[in-house]
Protein backbone atom coordinates (compact mmCIF):
# COMPACT_ATOMS: atom_id res chain seq x y z
CA MET A 1 17.14 20.85 -4.39
CA ALA A 2 15.85 24.27 -3.55
CA ALA A 3 12.41 24.28 -2.19
CA ARG A 4 9.61 26.34 -3.83
CA ASN A 5 6.24 27.41 -2.42
CA ILE A 6 3.06 26.22 -3.97
CA SER A 7 -0.57 26.77 -3.11
CA LEU A 8 -2.99 23.83 -2.53
CA ARG A 9 -6.61 23.71 -1.99
CA MET A 10 -7.71 21.08 0.56
CA ASP A 11 -10.85 20.38 2.36
CA GLU A 12 -11.12 21.15 6.09
CA GLU A 13 -11.33 17.51 7.09
CA ASN A 14 -8.02 16.71 5.14
CA ILE A 15 -6.20 19.79 6.72
CA ASP A 16 -7.47 18.61 10.08
CA ARG A 17 -6.03 15.17 9.43
CA VAL A 18 -2.70 16.50 8.24
CA ASP A 19 -2.40 18.84 11.16
CA ARG A 20 -3.16 15.94 13.65
CA LEU A 21 -0.63 13.67 12.11
CA ALA A 22 1.96 16.54 12.08
CA SER A 23 1.22 17.21 15.67
CA ALA A 24 1.49 13.48 16.61
CA MET A 25 4.69 13.19 14.75
CA GLY A 26 6.40 16.50 16.05
CA ARG A 27 6.57 17.68 12.51
CA SER A 28 5.32 20.45 10.59
CA ARG A 29 2.33 20.49 8.22
CA ALA A 30 4.82 21.15 5.17
CA TRP A 31 6.92 18.08 6.18
CA VAL A 32 3.83 15.79 6.24
CA LEU A 33 2.60 17.09 2.96
CA ASN A 34 6.07 16.69 1.33
CA GLN A 35 6.39 13.02 2.68
CA ALA A 36 2.90 12.22 1.53
CA THR A 37 3.64 13.69 -1.96
CA GLN A 38 6.93 11.92 -2.24
CA ARG A 39 5.38 8.54 -1.51
CA TYR A 40 2.40 9.21 -3.78
CA LEU A 41 4.65 10.20 -6.75
CA GLU A 42 6.84 7.16 -6.11
CA TYR A 43 4.02 4.85 -6.23
CA GLU A 44 2.18 6.44 -9.19
CA GLU A 45 5.65 6.40 -11.13
CA TRP A 46 5.99 2.85 -10.33
CA PHE A 47 2.51 1.92 -11.40
CA VAL A 48 2.89 3.79 -14.76
CA GLN A 49 6.03 1.93 -15.43
CA GLN A 50 4.38 -1.40 -14.57
CA VAL A 51 1.58 -0.51 -17.01
CA GLU A 52 4.01 0.33 -19.61
CA GLU A 53 6.01 -2.95 -19.38
CA GLY A 54 2.66 -4.89 -19.45
CA ILE A 55 1.68 -3.25 -22.65
CA GLU A 56 5.13 -4.10 -24.10
CA GLU A 57 4.76 -7.65 -23.02
CA ILE A 58 1.35 -7.76 -24.72
CA LYS A 59 2.78 -6.41 -27.89
CA ARG A 60 5.49 -9.10 -27.86
CA GLY A 61 2.71 -11.75 -27.50
CA ASN A 62 3.73 -12.77 -23.94
CA THR A 63 0.11 -13.31 -22.67
CA VAL A 64 -1.71 -16.05 -20.74
CA SER A 65 -5.29 -16.91 -21.53
CA ASN A 66 -8.00 -16.72 -18.86
CA GLU A 67 -8.41 -20.46 -19.15
CA GLN A 68 -4.80 -21.18 -18.36
CA VAL A 69 -4.85 -19.00 -15.30
CA LEU A 70 -7.99 -20.68 -13.95
CA ALA A 71 -6.60 -24.21 -14.65
CA GLU A 72 -3.28 -23.14 -12.71
CA ILE A 73 -5.43 -21.66 -9.81
CA ARG A 74 -7.43 -24.94 -9.80
CA GLN A 75 -4.41 -27.02 -9.55
CA LYS A 76 -2.95 -25.18 -6.69
CA ILE A 77 -6.23 -25.28 -4.86
CA GLU A 78 -6.34 -29.02 -5.43
CA LYS A 79 -2.80 -29.33 -3.94
CA ALA A 80 -3.70 -27.37 -0.98
């Protein structure tokens, strides 16, 4: 995929952190920011998917009461 330029506002402290990390890794600022962005997007996409799946489970009635969860935790604690 062809890369495109974007503009990003960032406070000085975070710019310094990115630059220190890039220097320590022998990479460019752009590389560090691209890696950080990719990891952030992967996590957030996963998180949204998990929430959507949870909502669908609730709609199907696949839920467990708080009392059931606490009872299972108590049982596990007693066995430990």
